[in-house]
Amino acid sequence: MNTIDKHAVDEAIAQAFKEVRTAMNSHNEKSLHMYTEALTALLELRKAITDEAASRG
């Protein structure tokens, strides 16, 4: 995982969150579902990066 840039993941999380908010405001259920899944996956990736960094010391 050390090849994954955590800052790029953080930026992707921020963008996905904005898209979720936009989908909520426009009541677009299909987009809301898609971006929510993407946001969840990105958050899991970010957690894995953080956990790996912590285990390395």
N, C-alpha and C. Protein backbone atom coordinates (compact mmCIF):
# COMPACT_ATOMS: atom_id res chain seq x y z
N MET A 1 0.81 -1.20 0.00
CA MET A 1 0.00 0.00 0.00
C MET A 1 0.85 1.26 0.00
N ASN A 2 2.12 1.11 0.19
CA ASN A 2 2.96 2.29 0.29
C ASN A 2 3.09 3.03 -1.04
N THR A 3 2.56 2.46 -2.11
CA THR A 3 2.59 3.15 -3.39
C THR A 3 1.36 4.02 -3.60
N ILE A 4 0.41 3.93 -2.71
CA ILE A 4 -0.81 4.73 -2.80
C ILE A 4 -0.60 6.05 -2.07
N ASP A 5 -0.85 7.14 -2.76
CA ASP A 5 -0.67 8.48 -2.18
C ASP A 5 -1.89 8.81 -1.33
N LYS A 6 -1.68 8.92 -0.01
CA LYS A 6 -2.81 9.17 0.90
C LYS A 6 -3.45 10.52 0.62
N HIS A 7 -2.68 11.47 0.13
CA HIS A 7 -3.25 12.79 -0.18
C HIS A 7 -4.19 12.70 -1.38
N ALA A 8 -3.84 11.87 -2.35
CA ALA A 8 -4.72 11.67 -3.50
C ALA A 8 -6.02 10.98 -3.07
N VAL A 9 -5.90 10.04 -2.15
CA VAL A 9 -7.09 9.37 -1.62
C VAL A 9 -7.96 10.37 -0.87
N ASP A 10 -7.33 11.23 -0.07
CA ASP A 10 -8.08 12.25 0.66
C ASP A 10 -8.82 13.19 -0.30
N GLU A 11 -8.17 13.57 -1.39
CA GLU A 11 -8.82 14.42 -2.38
C GLU A 11 -9.99 13.71 -3.04
N ALA A 12 -9.82 12.43 -3.33
CA ALA A 12 -10.90 11.65 -3.93
C ALA A 12 -12.07 11.52 -2.96
N ILE A 13 -11.77 11.35 -1.67
CA ILE A 13 -12.83 11.29 -0.65
C ILE A 13 -13.61 12.60 -0.62
N ALA A 14 -12.89 13.71 -0.63
CA ALA A 14 -13.55 15.02 -0.60
C ALA A 14 -14.44 15.20 -1.83
N GLN A 15 -13.94 14.80 -2.99
CA GLN A 15 -14.73 14.94 -4.22
C GLN A 15 -15.96 14.04 -4.19
N ALA A 16 -15.79 12.81 -3.73
CA ALA A 16 -16.92 11.89 -3.65
C ALA A 16 -17.97 12.42 -2.67
N PHE A 17 -17.53 13.00 -1.56
CA PHE A 17 -18.47 13.58 -0.61
C PHE A 17 -19.27 14.71 -1.25
N LYS A 18 -18.59 15.55 -2.02
CA LYS A 18 -19.29 16.64 -2.72
C LYS A 18 -20.33 16.08 -3.69
N GLU A 19 -19.97 14.99 -4.37
CA GLU A 19 -20.90 14.38 -5.32
C GLU A 19 -22.10 13.77 -4.60
N VAL A 20 -21.86 13.18 -3.43
CA VAL A 20 -22.97 12.62 -2.64
C VAL A 20 -23.92 13.75 -2.24
N ARG A 21 -23.35 14.85 -1.78
CA ARG A 21 -24.17 15.99 -1.37
C ARG A 21 -24.97 16.55 -2.56
N THR A 22 -24.33 16.64 -3.72
CA THR A 22 -25.02 17.11 -4.92
C THR A 22 -26.16 16.18 -5.29
N ALA A 23 -25.90 14.87 -5.23
CA ALA A 23 -26.94 13.89 -5.55
C ALA A 23 -28.10 13.97 -4.57
N MET A 24 -27.78 14.21 -3.30
CA MET A 24 -28.85 14.35 -2.30
C MET A 24 -29.69 15.58 -2.61
N ASN A 25 -29.04 16.70 -2.91
CA ASN A 25 -29.76 17.93 -3.17
C ASN A 25 -30.63 17.86 -4.43
N SER A 26 -30.17 17.07 -5.40
CA SER A 26 -30.94 16.95 -6.65
C SER A 26 -31.89 15.76 -6.63
N HIS A 27 -31.89 15.02 -5.52
CA HIS A 27 -32.76 13.85 -5.35
C HIS A 27 -32.52 12.82 -6.45
N ASN A 28 -31.25 12.65 -6.83
CA ASN A 28 -30.89 11.68 -7.86
C ASN A 28 -30.45 10.39 -7.16
N GLU A 29 -31.38 9.45 -7.06
CA GLU A 29 -31.14 8.23 -6.30
C GLU A 29 -30.03 7.37 -6.90
N LYS A 30 -29.98 7.30 -8.21
CA LYS A 30 -28.96 6.48 -8.88
C LYS A 30 -27.56 7.03 -8.60
N SER A 31 -27.38 8.33 -8.73
CA SER A 31 -26.09 8.95 -8.45
C SER A 31 -25.75 8.86 -6.96
N LEU A 32 -26.74 9.04 -6.12
CA LEU A 32 -26.51 8.95 -4.69
C LEU A 32 -25.99 7.58 -4.32
N HIS A 33 -26.59 6.55 -4.86
CA HIS A 33 -26.16 5.18 -4.58
C HIS A 33 -24.73 4.96 -5.09
N MET A 34 -24.45 5.38 -6.31
CA MET A 34 -23.14 5.18 -6.91
C MET A 34 -22.05 5.91 -6.12
N TYR A 35 -22.26 7.18 -5.81
CA TYR A 35 -21.23 7.95 -5.10
C TYR A 35 -21.10 7.53 -3.64
N THR A 36 -22.19 7.06 -3.04
CA THR A 36 -22.10 6.54 -1.67
C THR A 36 -21.23 5.30 -1.63
N GLU A 37 -21.39 4.42 -2.61
CA GLU A 37 -20.55 3.23 -2.68
C GLU A 37 -19.09 3.60 -2.91
N ALA A 38 -18.86 4.57 -3.78
CA ALA A 38 -17.49 5.02 -4.05
C ALA A 38 -16.88 5.63 -2.79
N LEU A 39 -17.64 6.45 -2.10
CA LEU A 39 -17.15 7.08 -0.88
C LEU A 39 -16.82 6.02 0.18
N THR A 40 -17.67 5.04 0.33
CA THR A 40 -17.43 3.96 1.29
C THR A 40 -16.14 3.22 0.96
N ALA A 41 -15.95 2.89 -0.31
CA ALA A 41 -14.73 2.19 -0.72
C ALA A 41 -13.48 3.04 -0.48
N LEU A 42 -13.56 4.33 -0.77
CA LEU A 42 -12.43 5.22 -0.54
C LEU A 42 -12.11 5.34 0.95
N LEU A 43 -13.14 5.40 1.77
CA LEU A 43 -12.92 5.48 3.22
C LEU A 43 -12.27 4.21 3.75
N GLU A 44 -12.67 3.06 3.22
CA GLU A 44 -12.05 1.80 3.61
C GLU A 44 -10.59 1.76 3.18
N LEU A 45 -10.31 2.26 1.99
CA LEU A 45 -8.93 2.33 1.51
C LEU A 45 -8.10 3.24 2.41
N ARG A 46 -8.64 4.38 2.75
CA ARG A 46 -7.91 5.34 3.61
C ARG A 46 -7.63 4.72 4.97
N LYS A 47 -8.60 3.98 5.51
CA LYS A 47 -8.42 3.32 6.80
C LYS A 47 -7.31 2.27 6.68
N ALA A 48 -7.28 1.53 5.60
CA ALA A 48 -6.24 0.52 5.42
C ALA A 48 -4.86 1.16 5.33
N ILE A 49 -4.77 2.29 4.65
CA ILE A 49 -3.50 3.01 4.56
C ILE A 49 -3.06 3.46 5.95
N THR A 50 -3.98 4.01 6.72
CA THR A 50 -3.67 4.49 8.07
C THR A 50 -3.27 3.33 8.97
N ASP A 51 -4.01 2.22 8.90
CA ASP A 51 -3.69 1.05 9.72
C ASP A 51 -2.32 0.49 9.38
N GLU A 52 -1.98 0.45 8.10
CA GLU A 52 -0.69 -0.07 7.68
C GLU A 52 0.44 0.84 8.18
N ALA A 53 0.25 2.13 8.09
CA ALA A 53 1.26 3.09 8.56
C ALA A 53 1.46 2.93 10.07
N ALA A 54 0.38 2.72 10.80
CA ALA A 54 0.48 2.56 12.25
C ALA A 54 1.19 1.28 12.63
N SER A 55 0.97 0.23 11.86
CA SER A 55 1.60 -1.06 12.18
C SER A 55 3.10 -1.05 11.87
N ARG A 56 3.50 -0.18 10.96
CA ARG A 56 4.93 -0.06 10.64
C ARG A 56 5.67 0.78 11.68
N GLY A 57 4.92 1.49 12.47
CA GLY A 57 5.55 2.26 13.54
C GLY A 57 5.63 3.67 13.24
